[in-house]
Amino acid sequence: MALGMAPAPYELRFDSGRSCLDLVATRHPVERLDSVARLRAWLVGAGLVPAGASWPGVGPPWLTAFLELRSSIEQLVLGEIEGAPADSALERVNALAAPAPPAPCAVRAADGTLTRALRAAPECAALVACVARDAVDLLTDPAARALLRQCAGDNCPIVYLDTSRGHRRRWCSSEVCGNRERVARHRRRAALARP
């Protein structure tokens, strides 16, 4: 993406620092997981399924499962940030984290290098468990949890991990919300400078 350009409305983003937070970010500013194909693209982009993997069982129930997980993670994370624990969301995320995740393996590519693959076609519950476990790991790790931030952009609810030097990151994305803020500041200064 060119510097200063906002992502297309349906472009998937993976800049919040954790797969569980990236899943929550698919809701803003528009629904980005609006089809099974988009879910497949998100799972590959999040690194949960290797590109080119075979997964014959993926369908609408998978999309429903991930949207429900997203809702629970969002309630849980925002509840923790705001000091209003969401215990029912915690119970759902814990239950969804229970199944074993897909088993990875290394295989030789055509050029002889090792690449990541899955031992078997992934099942929905196993992939949901990966993201739910990521949320559990994030919220139970005091160091990671201390880096949780909510975007300072106008009307942006995205939560991210601030791993920046000095921990002074203000926006979910410098290219999206950060750019909007810089443009708005420039317009305010220009308006004040006019006679």
Protein backbone atom coordinates (compact mmCIF):
# COMPACT_ATOMS: atom_id res chain seq x y z
CA MET A 1 0.00 0.00 0.00
CA ALA A 2 1.37 3.41 -0.94
CA LEU A 3 2.24 5.72 1.93
CA GLY A 4 -0.66 7.95 2.89
CA MET A 5 -3.31 5.83 1.21
CA ALA A 6 -6.10 4.33 3.28
CA PRO A 7 -6.82 0.64 2.78
CA ALA A 8 -9.71 -0.38 0.55
CA PRO A 9 -12.91 -0.90 2.56
CA TYR A 10 -12.51 -4.67 2.54
CA GLU A 11 -8.75 -4.96 2.80
CA LEU A 12 -7.75 -7.24 5.64
CA ARG A 13 -5.32 -5.75 8.14
CA PHE A 14 -2.85 -7.57 10.34
CA ASP A 15 -1.26 -4.73 12.29
CA SER A 16 -2.67 -5.03 15.81
CA GLY A 17 0.08 -7.35 17.02
CA ARG A 18 -1.94 -10.50 17.81
CA SER A 19 -4.25 -12.74 15.79
CA CYS A 20 -7.05 -12.34 18.35
CA LEU A 21 -6.89 -8.55 18.03
CA ASP A 22 -6.65 -8.78 14.24
CA LEU A 23 -9.85 -10.84 14.29
CA VAL A 24 -11.62 -8.16 16.33
CA ALA A 25 -10.36 -5.50 13.89
CA THR A 26 -12.23 -7.19 11.03
CA ARG A 27 -15.41 -5.49 12.25
CA HIS A 28 -14.19 -1.91 11.67
CA PRO A 29 -14.88 0.31 9.77
CA VAL A 30 -17.03 -2.16 7.83
CA GLU A 31 -17.58 -5.90 8.10
CA ARG A 32 -14.50 -7.48 6.53
CA LEU A 33 -15.45 -11.11 7.17
CA ASP A 34 -18.50 -11.03 4.95
CA SER A 35 -17.97 -14.38 3.21
CA VAL A 36 -16.29 -17.75 3.58
CA ALA A 37 -13.70 -16.64 1.02
CA ARG A 38 -12.82 -13.62 3.17
CA LEU A 39 -12.53 -15.87 6.24
CA ARG A 40 -10.17 -18.16 4.31
CA ALA A 41 -8.07 -15.14 3.31
CA TRP A 42 -8.00 -13.94 6.92
CA LEU A 43 -6.92 -17.36 8.23
CA VAL A 44 -4.06 -17.49 5.70
CA GLY A 45 -3.10 -13.85 6.33
CA ALA A 46 -3.07 -14.43 10.09
CA GLY A 47 -0.68 -17.35 9.56
CA LEU A 48 -3.07 -19.94 10.97
CA VAL A 49 -3.31 -21.91 7.72
CA PRO A 50 -0.48 -22.11 5.17
CA ALA A 51 -1.26 -20.71 1.74
CA GLY A 52 -2.35 -23.48 -0.60
CA ALA A 53 -3.52 -25.79 2.20
CA SER A 54 -6.45 -28.06 1.48
CA TRP A 55 -9.47 -27.58 3.74
CA PRO A 56 -12.49 -29.19 2.17
CA GLY A 57 -14.88 -28.71 5.11
CA VAL A 58 -14.79 -24.90 5.24
CA GLY A 59 -18.23 -23.35 4.83
CA PRO A 60 -20.82 -21.00 6.36
CA PRO A 61 -20.71 -22.67 9.82
CA TRP A 62 -17.03 -21.73 10.00
CA LEU A 63 -17.84 -18.09 9.32
CA THR A 64 -20.51 -18.15 12.04
CA ALA A 65 -18.06 -19.72 14.51
CA PHE A 66 -15.40 -17.07 13.87
CA LEU A 67 -17.88 -14.21 14.07
CA GLU A 68 -19.11 -15.54 17.43
CA LEU A 69 -15.53 -15.90 18.65
CA ARG A 70 -14.80 -12.35 17.49
CA SER A 71 -17.74 -11.03 19.50
CA SER A 72 -16.61 -12.86 22.64
CA ILE A 73 -12.99 -11.70 22.31
CA GLU A 74 -14.09 -8.12 21.71
CA GLN A 75 -16.30 -8.14 24.81
CA LEU A 76 -13.53 -9.73 26.86
CA VAL A 77 -10.71 -7.41 25.74
CA LEU A 78 -12.76 -4.21 26.00
CA GLY A 79 -14.06 -5.33 29.39
CA GLU A 80 -10.51 -5.79 30.63
CA ILE A 81 -9.34 -2.44 29.24
CA GLU A 82 -12.32 -0.60 30.70
CA GLY A 83 -12.21 -2.41 34.06
CA ALA A 84 -15.62 -4.00 33.49
CA PRO A 85 -14.97 -7.76 33.39
CA ALA A 86 -17.07 -9.69 30.88
CA ASP A 87 -17.26 -13.04 32.65
CA SER A 88 -19.70 -14.67 30.20
CA ALA A 89 -17.32 -13.79 27.33
CA LEU A 90 -14.44 -15.20 29.38
CA GLU A 91 -16.30 -18.50 29.80
CA ARG A 92 -16.99 -18.70 26.04
CA VAL A 93 -13.38 -17.92 25.09
CA ASN A 94 -12.06 -20.47 27.60
CA ALA A 95 -14.42 -23.13 26.22
CA LEU A 96 -13.44 -22.35 22.63
CA ALA A 97 -9.73 -22.54 23.53
CA ALA A 98 -10.04 -26.15 24.77
CA PRO A 99 -9.71 -28.18 21.53
CA ALA A 100 -6.23 -29.04 20.28
CA PRO A 101 -4.91 -26.71 17.59
CA PRO A 102 -3.95 -28.09 14.15
CA ALA A 103 -0.69 -30.01 14.16
CA PRO A 104 1.97 -28.32 12.03
CA CYS A 105 4.77 -30.07 10.20
CA ALA A 106 7.68 -29.11 7.98
CA VAL A 107 7.72 -30.31 4.37
CA ARG A 108 10.17 -29.84 1.53
CA ALA A 109 9.14 -27.39 -1.14
CA ALA A 110 10.02 -27.97 -4.80
CA ASP A 111 13.22 -25.93 -4.34
CA GLY A 112 14.30 -28.05 -1.35
CA THR A 113 13.57 -25.50 1.38
CA LEU A 114 11.42 -26.36 4.36
CA THR A 115 7.96 -24.86 4.50
CA ARG A 116 5.19 -25.07 7.06
CA ALA A 117 2.21 -27.33 6.41
CA LEU A 118 -0.52 -28.95 8.47
CA ARG A 119 -0.56 -32.70 9.12
CA ALA A 120 -4.25 -32.87 8.22
CA ALA A 121 -6.92 -30.59 6.83
CA PRO A 122 -7.75 -28.12 9.61
CA GLU A 123 -11.05 -28.37 11.39
CA CYS A 124 -13.03 -25.32 12.41
CA ALA A 125 -12.86 -25.99 16.16
CA ALA A 126 -9.08 -26.37 15.99
CA LEU A 127 -8.61 -23.03 14.20
CA VAL A 128 -11.07 -21.28 16.51
CA ALA A 129 -9.06 -22.72 19.41
CA CYS A 130 -5.85 -21.15 18.03
CA VAL A 131 -7.35 -17.66 18.11
CA ALA A 132 -9.11 -18.22 21.45
CA ARG A 133 -5.81 -19.45 22.96
CA ASP A 134 -4.10 -16.35 21.63
CA ALA A 135 -6.66 -14.23 23.52
CA VAL A 136 -6.12 -16.27 26.68
CA ASP A 137 -2.33 -15.95 26.33
CA LEU A 138 -2.58 -12.20 25.73
CA LEU A 139 -4.86 -11.45 28.65
CA THR A 140 -3.00 -13.65 31.14
CA ASP A 141 0.46 -12.29 30.28
CA PRO A 142 0.98 -9.16 32.41
CA ALA A 143 3.74 -7.80 30.13
CA ALA A 144 1.68 -8.18 26.94
CA ARG A 145 -1.50 -6.99 28.62
CA ALA A 146 0.26 -3.80 29.73
CA LEU A 147 0.87 -3.01 26.06
CA LEU A 148 -2.82 -3.06 25.10
CA ARG A 149 -3.98 0.27 23.71
CA GLN A 150 -7.14 1.54 22.08
CA CYS A 151 -6.69 3.65 18.94
CA ALA A 152 -6.79 7.40 19.55
CA GLY A 153 -8.33 7.98 16.12
CA ASP A 154 -11.79 9.51 15.90
CA ASN A 155 -14.41 6.77 16.10
CA CYS A 156 -11.83 3.98 15.85
CA PRO A 157 -12.43 1.16 18.33
CA ILE A 158 -9.44 -0.97 17.28
CA VAL A 159 -7.29 -2.35 20.09
CA TYR A 160 -3.63 -3.14 19.41
CA LEU A 161 -0.39 -4.02 21.18
CA ASP A 162 1.92 -1.03 21.49
CA THR A 163 5.31 -2.57 20.84
CA SER A 164 6.75 0.70 19.55
CA ARG A 165 9.97 2.08 20.92
CA GLY A 166 9.06 4.12 23.97
CA HIS A 167 5.50 2.75 23.87
CA ARG A 168 4.13 5.96 22.40
CA ARG A 169 2.07 4.55 19.52
CA ARG A 170 -1.29 6.35 19.40
CA TRP A 171 -3.07 4.84 16.42
CA CYS A 172 -3.98 1.38 15.21
CA SER A 173 -2.18 2.29 12.00
CA SER A 174 -0.04 5.30 11.20
CA GLU A 175 -1.13 5.01 7.56
CA VAL A 176 -4.86 4.95 8.36
CA CYS A 177 -5.89 6.69 11.58
CA GLY A 178 -2.56 8.48 12.00
CA ASN A 179 -2.80 9.90 8.50
CA ARG A 180 -6.40 11.02 9.09
CA GLU A 181 -5.30 12.86 12.24
CA ARG A 182 -2.38 14.55 10.45
CA VAL A 183 -4.66 15.67 7.60
CA ALA A 184 -7.25 17.00 10.07
CA ARG A 185 -4.54 18.92 11.98
CA HIS A 186 -3.23 20.39 8.73
CA ARG A 187 -6.74 21.51 7.74
CA ARG A 188 -7.32 23.12 11.15
CA ARG A 189 -4.03 25.02 10.92
CA ALA A 190 -4.79 26.10 7.34
CA ALA A 191 -8.27 27.29 8.39
CA LEU A 192 -6.80 29.34 11.26
CA ALA A 193 -4.17 30.88 8.97
CA ARG A 194 -6.76 32.16 6.50
CA PRO A 195 -7.68 35.87 6.88
